Amino acid sequence: MPKLYEYFGLIVMFYANEHDPVHVHGKSQGRESRAEIVVINGIVTEVRYSTVAGKAPFGLA
């Protein structure tokens, strides 16, 4: 799972072989959330945020 980005303790990782749809995980200070990226005809149409089992989620504003 390649690390895409790290900034002030926030790590964004890409899980290529986990499951569809394409998504990334964000981790920081023992918390973790997932963002699914919905692409239609090459255009990002939606980003869906969800929790990760067994991990406290990020607070999303």
Protein backbone atom coordinates (compact mmCIF):
# COMPACT_ATOMS: atom_id res chain seq x y z
CA MET A 1 0.00 0.00 0.00
CA PRO A 2 1.86 3.07 -1.24
CA LYS A 3 1.86 6.24 0.81
CA LEU A 4 0.48 9.03 -1.37
CA TYR A 5 0.84 11.94 1.00
CA GLU A 6 2.03 12.84 4.48
CA TYR A 7 1.52 16.20 6.15
CA PHE A 8 1.68 17.08 9.87
CA GLY A 9 1.06 13.46 10.88
CA LEU A 10 -1.79 12.80 8.43
CA ILE A 11 -0.94 9.88 6.15
CA VAL A 12 -2.98 9.13 3.02
CA MET A 13 -2.49 5.63 1.61
CA PHE A 14 -3.76 3.93 -1.55
CA TYR A 15 -4.96 0.33 -1.18
CA ALA A 16 -4.80 -0.95 -4.77
CA ASN A 17 -5.81 -4.58 -4.22
CA GLU A 18 -8.34 -4.20 -1.40
CA HIS A 19 -11.70 -3.79 -3.18
CA ASP A 20 -13.60 -1.60 -5.61
CA PRO A 21 -14.35 1.27 -5.89
CA VAL A 22 -10.98 3.02 -5.88
CA HIS A 23 -10.36 4.51 -2.47
CA VAL A 24 -7.75 5.87 -0.08
CA HIS A 25 -7.34 5.61 3.67
CA GLY A 26 -6.37 8.55 5.84
CA LYS A 27 -4.60 7.83 9.15
CA SER A 28 -3.56 10.09 12.00
CA GLN A 29 -3.18 9.75 15.77
CA GLY A 30 -4.84 6.31 15.91
CA ARG A 31 -7.82 7.41 13.81
CA GLU A 32 -8.62 6.21 10.31
CA SER A 33 -11.25 6.92 7.67
CA ARG A 34 -11.79 5.86 4.07
CA ALA A 35 -12.67 7.98 1.04
CA GLU A 36 -14.14 6.22 -2.00
CA ILE A 37 -13.60 8.08 -5.25
CA VAL A 38 -16.42 7.70 -7.79
CA VAL A 39 -15.27 8.31 -11.38
CA ILE A 40 -17.71 8.39 -14.30
CA ASN A 41 -16.35 8.88 -17.83
CA GLY A 42 -13.02 10.02 -16.42
CA ILE A 43 -14.55 12.68 -14.16
CA VAL A 44 -14.61 12.51 -10.35
CA THR A 45 -18.32 12.84 -9.60
CA GLU A 46 -18.42 12.01 -5.91
CA VAL A 47 -16.25 11.30 -2.88
CA ARG A 48 -17.85 9.11 -0.19
CA TYR A 49 -16.36 9.13 3.30
CA SER A 50 -16.76 6.15 5.62
CA THR A 51 -15.33 4.60 8.75
CA VAL A 52 -12.84 1.74 9.01
CA ALA A 53 -13.77 -1.22 11.22
CA GLY A 54 -11.98 -1.18 14.55
CA LYS A 55 -10.67 2.39 14.18
CA ALA A 56 -11.97 5.69 15.52
CA PRO A 57 -13.01 7.92 12.57
CA PHE A 58 -11.79 11.39 11.75
CA GLY A 59 -14.18 14.17 12.68
CA LEU A 60 -15.45 15.54 9.37
CA ALA A 61 -16.77 19.08 9.30
